[in-house]
Amino acid sequence: MSTGVLSVRLPHDIKARLDTLASSTGRPAAFYVRQAVTQHLADLEYAYALRSEAEAIRRGEVPARPLEDVAADLGLD
């Protein structure tokens, strides 16, 4: 696996927690940083994609249907 280097500044309290975790488990702090990024990156990508789509809908760039129509199609009226 090819890797790249990323420098991250963390508040002292978070860095201390990360160092404590790394020390207590014998794993490098970078392992936990990679794990956190990997686990949360998809959530962040999804959230920002939704936000972008919502903004496009508000600008009228993406077709939308009224909630009443969707509810009726689903038999929720």
PDB file of N, CA and C in Angstrom:
ATOM      1  N   MET A   1       0.853  -1.176   0.000  1.00  0.00           N
ATOM      2  CA  MET A   1       0.000   0.000   0.000  1.00  0.00           C
ATOM      3  C   MET A   1       0.897   1.237   0.000  1.00  0.00           C
ATOM      4  N   SER A   2       0.676   2.097  -0.955  1.00  0.00           N
ATOM      5  CA  SER A   2       1.417   3.347  -1.028  1.00  0.00           C
ATOM      6  C   SER A   2       0.815   4.341  -0.040  1.00  0.00           C
ATOM      7  N   THR A   3       1.653   5.103   0.623  1.00  0.00           N
ATOM      8  CA  THR A   3       1.147   6.065   1.608  1.00  0.00           C
ATOM      9  C   THR A   3       1.683   7.450   1.327  1.00  0.00           C
ATOM     10  N   GLY A   4       1.011   8.438   1.850  1.00  0.00           N
ATOM     11  CA  GLY A   4       1.435   9.820   1.779  1.00  0.00           C
ATOM     12  C   GLY A   4       1.556  10.365   3.188  1.00  0.00           C
ATOM     13  N   VAL A   5       2.191  11.496   3.297  1.00  0.00           N
ATOM     14  CA  VAL A   5       2.397  12.109   4.605  1.00  0.00           C
ATOM     15  C   VAL A   5       1.466  13.298   4.743  1.00  0.00           C
ATOM     16  N   LEU A   6       0.836  13.413   5.904  1.00  0.00           N
ATOM     17  CA  LEU A   6      -0.054  14.526   6.218  1.00  0.00           C
ATOM     18  C   LEU A   6       0.293  15.019   7.607  1.00  0.00           C
ATOM     19  N   SER A   7       0.509  16.300   7.715  1.00  0.00           N
ATOM     20  CA  SER A   7       0.810  16.894   9.015  1.00  0.00           C
ATOM     21  C   SER A   7      -0.475  17.482   9.582  1.00  0.00           C
ATOM     22  N   VAL A   8      -0.788  17.152  10.823  1.00  0.00           N
ATOM     23  CA  VAL A   8      -2.030  17.614  11.437  1.00  0.00           C
ATOM     24  C   VAL A   8      -1.711  18.252  12.777  1.00  0.00           C
ATOM     25  N   ARG A   9      -2.252  19.431  13.003  1.00  0.00           N
ATOM     26  CA  ARG A   9      -2.116  20.080  14.311  1.00  0.00           C
ATOM     27  C   ARG A   9      -3.338  19.731  15.142  1.00  0.00           C
ATOM     28  N   LEU A  10      -3.084  19.248  16.346  1.00  0.00           N
ATOM     29  CA  LEU A  10      -4.170  18.861  17.242  1.00  0.00           C
ATOM     30  C   LEU A  10      -4.091  19.667  18.522  1.00  0.00           C
ATOM     31  N   PRO A  11      -5.228  19.949  19.137  1.00  0.00           N
ATOM     32  CA  PRO A  11      -5.195  20.568  20.466  1.00  0.00           C
ATOM     33  C   PRO A  11      -4.421  19.655  21.418  1.00  0.00           C
ATOM     34  N   HIS A  12      -3.765  20.261  22.384  1.00  0.00           N
ATOM     35  CA  HIS A  12      -2.922  19.506  23.313  1.00  0.00           C
ATOM     36  C   HIS A  12      -3.673  18.375  24.009  1.00  0.00           C
ATOM     37  N   ASP A  13      -4.926  18.614  24.394  1.00  0.00           N
ATOM     38  CA  ASP A  13      -5.654  17.568  25.112  1.00  0.00           C
ATOM     39  C   ASP A  13      -5.928  16.358  24.229  1.00  0.00           C
ATOM     40  N   ILE A  14      -6.238  16.576  22.970  1.00  0.00           N
ATOM     41  CA  ILE A  14      -6.489  15.455  22.057  1.00  0.00           C
ATOM     42  C   ILE A  14      -5.189  14.715  21.757  1.00  0.00           C
ATOM     43  N   LYS A  15      -4.111  15.473  21.572  1.00  0.00           N
ATOM     44  CA  LYS A  15      -2.802  14.845  21.331  1.00  0.00           C
ATOM     45  C   LYS A  15      -2.396  13.991  22.532  1.00  0.00           C
ATOM     46  N   ALA A  16      -2.656  14.487  23.733  1.00  0.00           N
ATOM     47  CA  ALA A  16      -2.314  13.726  24.943  1.00  0.00           C
ATOM     48  C   ALA A  16      -3.130  12.439  25.011  1.00  0.00           C
ATOM     49  N   ARG A  17      -4.407  12.518  24.683  1.00  0.00           N
ATOM     50  CA  ARG A  17      -5.255  11.319  24.689  1.00  0.00           C
ATOM     51  C   ARG A  17      -4.764  10.311  23.659  1.00  0.00           C
ATOM     52  N   LEU A  18      -4.408  10.802  22.485  1.00  0.00           N
ATOM     53  CA  LEU A  18      -3.902   9.942  21.424  1.00  0.00           C
ATOM     54  C   LEU A  18      -2.591   9.275  21.844  1.00  0.00           C
ATOM     55  N   ASP A  19      -1.703  10.049  22.446  1.00  0.00           N
ATOM     56  CA  ASP A  19      -0.430   9.497  22.921  1.00  0.00           C
ATOM     57  C   ASP A  19      -0.650   8.449  24.016  1.00  0.00           C
ATOM     58  N   THR A  20      -1.587   8.709  24.902  1.00  0.00           N
ATOM     59  CA  THR A  20      -1.899   7.755  25.969  1.00  0.00           C
ATOM     60  C   THR A  20      -2.431   6.455  25.388  1.00  0.00           C
ATOM     61  N   LEU A  21      -3.344   6.564  24.445  1.00  0.00           N
ATOM     62  CA  LEU A  21      -3.893   5.376  23.791  1.00  0.00           C
ATOM     63  C   LEU A  21      -2.788   4.591  23.086  1.00  0.00           C
ATOM     64  N   ALA A  22      -1.958   5.303  22.333  1.00  0.00           N
ATOM     65  CA  ALA A  22      -0.865   4.647  21.617  1.00  0.00           C
ATOM     66  C   ALA A  22       0.083   3.944  22.587  1.00  0.00           C
ATOM     67  N   SER A  23       0.415   4.605  23.670  1.00  0.00           N
ATOM     68  CA  SER A  23       1.320   4.042  24.660  1.00  0.00           C
ATOM     69  C   SER A  23       0.717   2.808  25.340  1.00  0.00           C
ATOM     70  N   SER A  24      -0.552   2.883  25.659  1.00  0.00           N
ATOM     71  CA  SER A  24      -1.186   1.781  26.385  1.00  0.00           C
ATOM     72  C   SER A  24      -1.442   0.557  25.510  1.00  0.00           C
ATOM     73  N   THR A  25      -1.481   0.756  24.197  1.00  0.00           N
ATOM     74  CA  THR A  25      -1.762  -0.371  23.305  1.00  0.00           C
ATOM     75  C   THR A  25      -0.533  -0.852  22.538  1.00  0.00           C
ATOM     76  N   GLY A  26       0.528  -0.052  22.573  1.00  0.00           N
ATOM     77  CA  GLY A  26       1.736  -0.426  21.846  1.00  0.00           C
ATOM     78  C   GLY A  26       1.653  -0.171  20.349  1.00  0.00           C
ATOM     79  N   ARG A  27       0.656   0.539  19.923  1.00  0.00           N
ATOM     80  CA  ARG A  27       0.522   0.890  18.503  1.00  0.00           C
ATOM     81  C   ARG A  27       0.934   2.347  18.318  1.00  0.00           C
ATOM     82  N   PRO A  28       1.395   2.704  17.131  1.00  0.00           N
ATOM     83  CA  PRO A  28       1.745   4.107  16.896  1.00  0.00           C
ATOM     84  C   PRO A  28       0.493   4.987  16.819  1.00  0.00           C
ATOM     85  N   ALA A  29       0.640   6.243  17.193  1.00  0.00           N
ATOM     86  CA  ALA A  29      -0.478   7.183  17.123  1.00  0.00           C
ATOM     87  C   ALA A  29      -1.022   7.276  15.696  1.00  0.00           C
ATOM     88  N   ALA A  30      -0.140   7.160  14.710  1.00  0.00           N
ATOM     89  CA  ALA A  30      -0.564   7.242  13.305  1.00  0.00           C
ATOM     90  C   ALA A  30      -1.586   6.165  12.966  1.00  0.00           C
ATOM     91  N   PHE A  31      -1.481   5.007  13.601  1.00  0.00           N
ATOM     92  CA  PHE A  31      -2.454   3.931  13.380  1.00  0.00           C
ATOM     93  C   PHE A  31      -3.856   4.416  13.726  1.00  0.00           C
ATOM     94  N   TYR A  32      -3.988   5.075  14.864  1.00  0.00           N
ATOM     95  CA  TYR A  32      -5.308   5.534  15.311  1.00  0.00           C
ATOM     96  C   TYR A  32      -5.812   6.723  14.499  1.00  0.00           C
ATOM     97  N   VAL A  33      -4.902   7.546  14.055  1.00  0.00           N
ATOM     98  CA  VAL A  33      -5.305   8.660  13.190  1.00  0.00           C
ATOM     99  C   VAL A  33      -5.842   8.101  11.878  1.00  0.00           C
ATOM    100  N   ARG A  34      -5.119   7.136  11.281  1.00  0.00           N
ATOM    101  CA  ARG A  34      -5.582   6.503  10.042  1.00  0.00           C
ATOM    102  C   ARG A  34      -6.935   5.835  10.243  1.00  0.00           C
ATOM    103  N   GLN A  35      -7.083   5.143  11.370  1.00  0.00           N
ATOM    104  CA  GLN A  35      -8.338   4.454  11.663  1.00  0.00           C
ATOM    105  C   GLN A  35      -9.500   5.455  11.771  1.00  0.00           C
ATOM    106  N   ALA A  36      -9.279   6.547  12.469  1.00  0.00           N
ATOM    107  CA  ALA A  36     -10.332   7.563  12.638  1.00  0.00           C
ATOM    108  C   ALA A  36     -10.711   8.187  11.302  1.00  0.00           C
ATOM    109  N   VAL A  37      -9.721   8.518  10.501  1.00  0.00           N
ATOM    110  CA  VAL A  37     -10.004   9.127   9.193  1.00  0.00           C
ATOM    111  C   VAL A  37     -10.759   8.142   8.310  1.00  0.00           C
ATOM    112  N   THR A  38     -10.304   6.922   8.271  1.00  0.00           N
ATOM    113  CA  THR A  38     -10.950   5.908   7.442  1.00  0.00           C
ATOM    114  C   THR A  38     -12.408   5.701   7.844  1.00  0.00           C
ATOM    115  N   GLN A  39     -12.664   5.633   9.138  1.00  0.00           N
ATOM    116  CA  GLN A  39     -14.021   5.369   9.609  1.00  0.00           C
ATOM    117  C   GLN A  39     -14.959   6.544   9.382  1.00  0.00           C
ATOM    118  N   HIS A  40     -14.457   7.759   9.390  1.00  0.00           N
ATOM    119  CA  HIS A  40     -15.339   8.923   9.327  1.00  0.00           C
ATOM    120  C   HIS A  40     -15.334   9.649   7.988  1.00  0.00           C
ATOM    121  N   LEU A  41     -14.407   9.329   7.112  1.00  0.00           N
ATOM    122  CA  LEU A  41     -14.332  10.018   5.827  1.00  0.00           C
ATOM    123  C   LEU A  41     -15.587   9.798   4.996  1.00  0.00           C
ATOM    124  N   ALA A  42     -16.088   8.581   4.927  1.00  0.00           N
ATOM    125  CA  ALA A  42     -17.299   8.302   4.148  1.00  0.00           C
ATOM    126  C   ALA A  42     -18.493   9.084   4.688  1.00  0.00           C
ATOM    127  N   ASP A  43     -18.601   9.196   6.009  1.00  0.00           N
ATOM    128  CA  ASP A  43     -19.700   9.970   6.606  1.00  0.00           C
ATOM    129  C   ASP A  43     -19.603  11.438   6.214  1.00  0.00           C
ATOM    130  N   LEU A  44     -18.400  11.987   6.253  1.00  0.00           N
ATOM    131  CA  LEU A  44     -18.206  13.393   5.888  1.00  0.00           C
ATOM    132  C   LEU A  44     -18.497  13.622   4.405  1.00  0.00           C
ATOM    133  N   GLU A  45     -18.026  12.712   3.550  1.00  0.00           N
ATOM    134  CA  GLU A  45     -18.301  12.830   2.115  1.00  0.00           C
ATOM    135  C   GLU A  45     -19.802  12.807   1.856  1.00  0.00           C
ATOM    136  N   TYR A  46     -20.509  11.912   2.527  1.00  0.00           N
ATOM    137  CA  TYR A  46     -21.954  11.790   2.355  1.00  0.00           C
ATOM    138  C   TYR A  46     -22.664  13.066   2.821  1.00  0.00           C
ATOM    139  N   ALA A  47     -22.278  13.566   3.977  1.00  0.00           N
ATOM    140  CA  ALA A  47     -22.920  14.769   4.523  1.00  0.00           C
ATOM    141  C   ALA A  47     -22.719  15.966   3.598  1.00  0.00           C
ATOM    142  N   TYR A  48     -21.517  16.143   3.083  1.00  0.00           N
ATOM    143  CA  TYR A  48     -21.263  17.277   2.202  1.00  0.00           C
ATOM    144  C   TYR A  48     -21.930  17.111   0.847  1.00  0.00           C
ATOM    145  N   ALA A  49     -22.056  15.877   0.362  1.00  0.00           N
ATOM    146  CA  ALA A  49     -22.782  15.638  -0.887  1.00  0.00           C
ATOM    147  C   ALA A  49     -24.254  15.975  -0.711  1.00  0.00           C
ATOM    148  N   LEU A  50     -24.850  15.582   0.425  1.00  0.00           N
ATOM    149  CA  LEU A  50     -26.248  15.930   0.701  1.00  0.00           C
ATOM    150  C   LEU A  50     -26.437  17.437   0.770  1.00  0.00           C
ATOM    151  N   ARG A  51     -25.521  18.090   1.449  1.00  0.00           N
ATOM    152  CA  ARG A  51     -25.599  19.552   1.568  1.00  0.00           C
ATOM    153  C   ARG A  51     -25.525  20.212   0.197  1.00  0.00           C
ATOM    154  N   SER A  52     -24.619  19.742  -0.640  1.00  0.00           N
ATOM    155  CA  SER A  52     -24.470  20.288  -1.985  1.00  0.00           C
ATOM    156  C   SER A  52     -25.729  20.062  -2.813  1.00  0.00           C
ATOM    157  N   GLU A  53     -26.306  18.863  -2.695  1.00  0.00           N
ATOM    158  CA  GLU A  53     -27.530  18.571  -3.433  1.00  0.00           C
ATOM    159  C   GLU A  53     -28.695  19.424  -2.936  1.00  0.00           C
ATOM    160  N   ALA A  54     -28.806  19.606  -1.626  1.00  0.00           N
ATOM    161  CA  ALA A  54     -29.872  20.441  -1.075  1.00  0.00           C
ATOM    162  C   ALA A  54     -29.745  21.881  -1.577  1.00  0.00           C
ATOM    163  N   GLU A  55     -28.517  22.383  -1.629  1.00  0.00           N
ATOM    164  CA  GLU A  55     -28.306  23.744  -2.130  1.00  0.00           C
ATOM    165  C   GLU A  55     -28.676  23.849  -3.605  1.00  0.00           C
ATOM    166  N   ALA A  56     -28.355  22.815  -4.379  1.00  0.00           N
ATOM    167  CA  ALA A  56     -28.710  22.808  -5.796  1.00  0.00           C
ATOM    168  C   ALA A  56     -30.229  22.762  -5.968  1.00  0.00           C
ATOM    169  N   ILE A  57     -30.915  22.018  -5.128  1.00  0.00           N
ATOM    170  CA  ILE A  57     -32.385  21.968  -5.183  1.00  0.00           C
ATOM    171  C   ILE A  57     -32.961  23.342  -4.864  1.00  0.00           C
ATOM    172  N   ARG A  58     -32.424  23.995  -3.815  1.00  0.00           N
ATOM    173  CA  ARG A  58     -32.909  25.332  -3.449  1.00  0.00           C
ATOM    174  C   ARG A  58     -32.702  26.343  -4.567  1.00  0.00           C
ATOM    175  N   ARG A  59     -31.624  26.183  -5.339  1.00  0.00           N
ATOM    176  CA  ARG A  59     -31.357  27.092  -6.453  1.00  0.00           C
ATOM    177  C   ARG A  59     -32.176  26.730  -7.684  1.00  0.00           C
ATOM    178  N   GLY A  60     -32.903  25.607  -7.636  1.00  0.00           N
ATOM    179  CA  GLY A  60     -33.732  25.181  -8.760  1.00  0.00           C
ATOM    180  C   GLY A  60     -32.950  24.460  -9.843  1.00  0.00           C
ATOM    181  N   GLU A  61     -31.746  24.005  -9.537  1.00  0.00           N
ATOM    182  CA  GLU A  61     -30.906  23.330 -10.525  1.00  0.00           C
ATOM    183  C   GLU A  61     -31.202  21.834 -10.614  1.00  0.00           C
ATOM    184  N   VAL A  62     -31.892  21.299  -9.624  1.00  0.00           N
ATOM    185  CA  VAL A  62     -32.227  19.882  -9.584  1.00  0.00           C
ATOM    186  C   VAL A  62     -33.739  19.778  -9.399  1.00  0.00           C
ATOM    187  N   PRO A  63     -34.402  18.971 -10.219  1.00  0.00           N
ATOM    188  CA  PRO A  63     -35.852  18.851 -10.059  1.00  0.00           C
ATOM    189  C   PRO A  63     -36.210  18.223  -8.705  1.00  0.00           C
ATOM    190  N   ALA A  64     -37.294  18.684  -8.147  1.00  0.00           N
ATOM    191  CA  ALA A  64     -37.767  18.167  -6.864  1.00  0.00           C
ATOM    192  C   ALA A  64     -39.277  17.974  -6.948  1.00  0.00           C
ATOM    193  N   ARG A  65     -39.797  17.147  -6.069  1.00  0.00           N
ATOM    194  CA  ARG A  65     -41.234  16.908  -6.009  1.00  0.00           C
ATOM    195  C   ARG A  65     -41.748  17.338  -4.657  1.00  0.00           C
ATOM    196  N   PRO A  66     -42.971  17.861  -4.606  1.00  0.00           N
ATOM    197  CA  PRO A  66     -43.555  18.232  -3.318  1.00  0.00           C
ATOM    198  C   PRO A  66     -43.715  16.999  -2.417  1.00  0.00           C
ATOM    199  N   LEU A  67     -43.566  17.203  -1.116  1.00  0.00           N
ATOM    200  CA  LEU A  67     -43.687  16.121  -0.150  1.00  0.00           C
ATOM    201  C   LEU A  67     -45.043  15.424  -0.268  1.00  0.00           C
ATOM    202  N   GLU A  68     -46.089  16.190  -0.524  1.00  0.00           N
ATOM    203  CA  GLU A  68     -47.425  15.594  -0.634  1.00  0.00           C
ATOM    204  C   GLU A  68     -47.476  14.569  -1.762  1.00  0.00           C
ATOM    205  N   ASP A  69     -46.804  14.849  -2.889  1.00  0.00           N
ATOM    206  CA  ASP A  69     -46.779  13.888  -4.011  1.00  0.00           C
ATOM    207  C   ASP A  69     -46.048  12.616  -3.636  1.00  0.00           C
ATOM    208  N   VAL A  70     -44.918  12.760  -2.965  1.00  0.00           N
ATOM    209  CA  VAL A  70     -44.143  11.591  -2.544  1.00  0.00           C
ATOM    210  C   VAL A  70     -44.944  10.769  -1.540  1.00  0.00           C
ATOM    211  N   ALA A  71     -45.573  11.441  -0.579  1.00  0.00           N
ATOM    212  CA  ALA A  71     -46.378  10.745   0.428  1.00  0.00           C
ATOM    213  C   ALA A  71     -47.536   9.987  -0.243  1.00  0.00           C
ATOM    214  N   ALA A  72     -48.174  10.618  -1.214  1.00  0.00           N
ATOM    215  CA  ALA A  72     -49.277   9.963  -1.922  1.00  0.00           C
ATOM    216  C   ALA A  72     -48.781   8.731  -2.688  1.00  0.00           C
ATOM    217  N   ASP A  73     -47.627   8.838  -3.350  1.00  0.00           N
ATOM    218  CA  ASP A  73     -47.056   7.698  -4.070  1.00  0.00           C
ATOM    219  C   ASP A  73     -46.747   6.536  -3.133  1.00  0.00           C
ATOM    220  N   LEU A  74     -46.389   6.842  -1.902  1.00  0.00           N
ATOM    221  CA  LEU A  74     -46.060   5.810  -0.918  1.00  0.00           C
ATOM    222  C   LEU A  74     -47.268   5.349  -0.122  1.00  0.00           C
ATOM    223  N   GLY A  75     -48.419   5.927  -0.411  1.00  0.00           N
ATOM    224  CA  GLY A  75     -49.632   5.559   0.305  1.00  0.00           C
ATOM    225  C   GLY A  75     -49.673   6.102   1.714  1.00  0.00           C
ATOM    226  N   LEU A  76     -49.008   7.215   1.966  1.00  0.00           N
ATOM    227  CA  LEU A  76     -48.948   7.799   3.295  1.00  0.00           C
ATOM    228  C   LEU A  76     -49.874   8.999   3.469  1.00  0.00           C
ATOM    229  N   ASP A  77     -50.731   9.225   2.501  1.00  0.00           N
ATOM    230  CA  ASP A  77     -51.598  10.407   2.597  1.00  0.00           C
ATOM    231  C   ASP A  77     -52.829  10.182   3.410  1.00  0.00           C
TER     232      ASP A  77
END
